[in-house]
C-alpha atoms as a PDB file:
ATOM      1  CA  MET A   1      17.649   1.626  17.872  1.00  0.00           C
ATOM      2  CA  THR A   2      18.596   1.938  21.514  1.00  0.00           C
ATOM      3  CA  ARG A   3      16.469   1.371  24.595  1.00  0.00           C
ATOM      4  CA  LEU A   4      16.168   5.121  25.040  1.00  0.00           C
ATOM      5  CA  ASP A   5      14.780   5.416  21.519  1.00  0.00           C
ATOM      6  CA  TRP A   6      12.096   2.828  22.392  1.00  0.00           C
ATOM      7  CA  GLN A   7      10.641   5.301  24.878  1.00  0.00           C
ATOM      8  CA  GLU A   8      10.007   7.720  22.007  1.00  0.00           C
ATOM      9  CA  LEU A   9       7.778   5.290  20.095  1.00  0.00           C
ATOM     10  CA  ASP A  10       3.991   5.553  20.023  1.00  0.00           C
ATOM     11  CA  TRP A  11       3.141   2.507  22.164  1.00  0.00           C
ATOM     12  CA  GLN A  12      -0.417   1.215  21.705  1.00  0.00           C
ATOM     13  CA  ARG A  13      -1.930  -0.479  24.742  1.00  0.00           C
ATOM     14  CA  ALA A  14      -4.010  -3.636  24.588  1.00  0.00           C
ATOM     15  CA  ALA A  15      -5.759  -3.160  27.913  1.00  0.00           C
ATOM     16  CA  PRO A  16      -9.491  -3.550  28.500  1.00  0.00           C
ATOM     17  CA  ALA A  17     -11.295  -0.686  30.191  1.00  0.00           C
ATOM     18  CA  ASP A  18     -12.083  -2.816  33.236  1.00  0.00           C
ATOM     19  CA  LEU A  19      -8.466  -3.870  33.826  1.00  0.00           C
ATOM     20  CA  PRO A  20      -7.656  -3.732  37.551  1.00  0.00           C
ATOM     21  CA  GLU A  21      -5.261  -0.985  38.676  1.00  0.00           C
ATOM     22  CA  GLY A  22      -1.655  -2.139  38.411  1.00  0.00           C
ATOM     23  CA  ALA A  23      -2.411  -5.153  36.189  1.00  0.00           C
ATOM     24  CA  ALA A  24      -0.009  -5.840  33.315  1.00  0.00           C
ATOM     25  CA  TYR A  25      -1.037  -5.366  29.699  1.00  0.00           C
ATOM     26  CA  LEU A  26       0.599  -5.662  26.298  1.00  0.00           C
ATOM     27  CA  GLU A  27       1.995  -2.648  24.442  1.00  0.00           C
ATOM     28  CA  VAL A  28       2.860  -2.684  20.729  1.00  0.00           C
ATOM     29  CA  ALA A  29       4.712  -0.108  18.598  1.00  0.00           C
ATOM     30  CA  VAL A  30       6.021   0.203  15.054  1.00  0.00           C
ATOM     31  CA  GLY A  31       9.766   0.856  14.963  1.00  0.00           C
ATOM     32  CA  PRO A  32      12.245   1.641  12.224  1.00  0.00           C
ATOM     33  CA  ASP A  33      12.237  -0.502   9.099  1.00  0.00           C
ATOM     34  CA  ASP A  34       8.605  -1.438   9.889  1.00  0.00           C
ATOM     35  CA  GLN A  35       9.679  -3.593  12.826  1.00  0.00           C
ATOM     36  CA  ILE A  36       7.001  -4.490  15.369  1.00  0.00           C
ATOM     37  CA  LEU A  37       8.035  -4.067  19.011  1.00  0.00           C
ATOM     38  CA  MET A  38       6.125  -5.568  21.947  1.00  0.00           C
ATOM     39  CA  ARG A  39       6.509  -5.251  25.699  1.00  0.00           C
ATOM     40  CA  GLU A  40       4.556  -5.793  28.894  1.00  0.00           C
ATOM     41  CA  SER A  41       3.588  -2.711  30.851  1.00  0.00           C
ATOM     42  CA  ASN A  42       5.087  -4.080  34.054  1.00  0.00           C
ATOM     43  CA  ASP A  43       8.492  -4.679  32.370  1.00  0.00           C
ATOM     44  CA  PRO A  44       8.930  -1.924  29.743  1.00  0.00           C
ATOM     45  CA  GLU A  45      12.689  -2.448  29.462  1.00  0.00           C
ATOM     46  CA  THR A  46      12.209  -5.935  27.998  1.00  0.00           C
ATOM     47  CA  VAL A  47      11.171  -5.506  24.364  1.00  0.00           C
ATOM     48  CA  VAL A  48      10.512  -8.231  21.813  1.00  0.00           C
ATOM     49  CA  VAL A  49      11.091  -7.296  18.173  1.00  0.00           C
ATOM     50  CA  THR A  50       9.574  -9.041  15.168  1.00  0.00           C
ATOM     51  CA  THR A  51       8.985  -8.360  11.486  1.00  0.00           C
ATOM     52  CA  ARG A  52       5.828  -6.980   9.893  1.00  0.00           C
ATOM     53  CA  ALA A  53       5.382 -10.277   7.995  1.00  0.00           C
ATOM     54  CA  LYS A  54       5.444 -12.312  11.227  1.00  0.00           C
ATOM     55  CA  TRP A  55       3.082  -9.843  12.918  1.00  0.00           C
ATOM     56  CA  ASP A  56       0.658 -10.083   9.995  1.00  0.00           C
ATOM     57  CA  ALA A  57       0.789 -13.901  10.145  1.00  0.00           C
ATOM     58  CA  PHE A  58       0.084 -13.766  13.900  1.00  0.00           C
ATOM     59  CA  ILE A  59      -2.909 -11.454  13.389  1.00  0.00           C
ATOM     60  CA  LYS A  60      -4.295 -13.752  10.688  1.00  0.00           C
ATOM     61  CA  GLY A  61      -3.944 -16.678  13.091  1.00  0.00           C
ATOM     62  CA  VAL A  62      -5.768 -14.772  15.830  1.00  0.00           C
ATOM     63  CA  LYS A  63      -8.609 -13.904  13.451  1.00  0.00           C
ATOM     64  CA  ALA A  64      -8.791 -17.535  12.289  1.00  0.00           C
ATOM     65  CA  GLY A  65      -9.117 -18.735  15.880  1.00  0.00           C
ATOM     66  CA  GLU A  66      -5.796 -20.594  15.945  1.00  0.00           C
ATOM     67  CA  PHE A  67      -5.097 -19.459  19.514  1.00  0.00           C
ATOM     68  CA  ASP A  68      -8.595 -19.695  20.995  1.00  0.00           C
ATOM     69  CA  ASP A  69      -7.619 -22.726  23.073  1.00  0.00           C
ATOM     70  CA  PHE A  70      -5.183 -20.519  24.982  1.00  0.00           C
ATOM     71  CA  ALA A  71      -7.862 -18.030  26.037  1.00  0.00           C
ATOM     72  CA  ASP A  72     -10.803 -18.523  28.319  1.00  0.00           C
ATOM     73  CA  LEU A  73     -13.117 -16.119  26.506  1.00  0.00           C
ATOM     74  CA  THR A  74     -16.816 -16.263  25.710  1.00  0.00           C
ATOM     75  CA  GLU A  75     -18.437 -14.977  22.526  1.00  0.00           C
ATOM     76  CA  ASP A  76     -19.518 -11.880  24.480  1.00  0.00           C
ATOM     77  CA  ASP A  77     -15.857 -11.211  25.327  1.00  0.00           C
ATOM     78  CA  PHE A  78     -14.971 -11.326  21.636  1.00  0.00           C
ATOM     79  CA  ALA A  79     -17.718  -8.808  20.832  1.00  0.00           C
ATOM     80  CA  ASP A  80     -16.035  -6.343  23.184  1.00  0.00           C
ATOM     81  CA  LEU A  81     -12.646  -6.588  21.452  1.00  0.00           C
ATOM     82  CA  THR A  82     -11.527  -3.775  19.190  1.00  0.00           C
ATOM     83  CA  GLU A  83     -11.529  -4.190  15.408  1.00  0.00           C
ATOM     84  CA  THR A  84      -8.023  -2.689  15.100  1.00  0.00           C
ATOM     85  CA  ASP A  85      -5.330  -5.196  14.243  1.00  0.00           C
ATOM     86  CA  GLU A  86      -2.474  -2.917  13.307  1.00  0.00           C
ATOM     87  CA  PRO A  87      -0.442  -0.804  15.692  1.00  0.00           C
ATOM     88  CA  ALA A  88      -0.542   2.877  14.869  1.00  0.00           C
ATOM     89  CA  GLU A  89       2.506   4.261  13.127  1.00  0.00           C
ATOM     90  CA  LYS A  90       4.261   7.269  14.564  1.00  0.00           C
END
């Protein structure tokens, strides 16, 4: 898959509704062979690729609170988060 092909993917944005104009957010897409691709909105040419198994392990860790120390969120913030944990497939 080339960089041009990445533009054709269905990128899902992880951006809250109250995100300031011009702020960076994470985008995730499912590529060929069930690969998971991630990029930041302010640098769309830099794409990180991982496997579905590693993505699933990451999501399980997030749900289990393994990364909570890295975020400065309150319980109210968590209530606002979406229930979706899988990027949409094209």
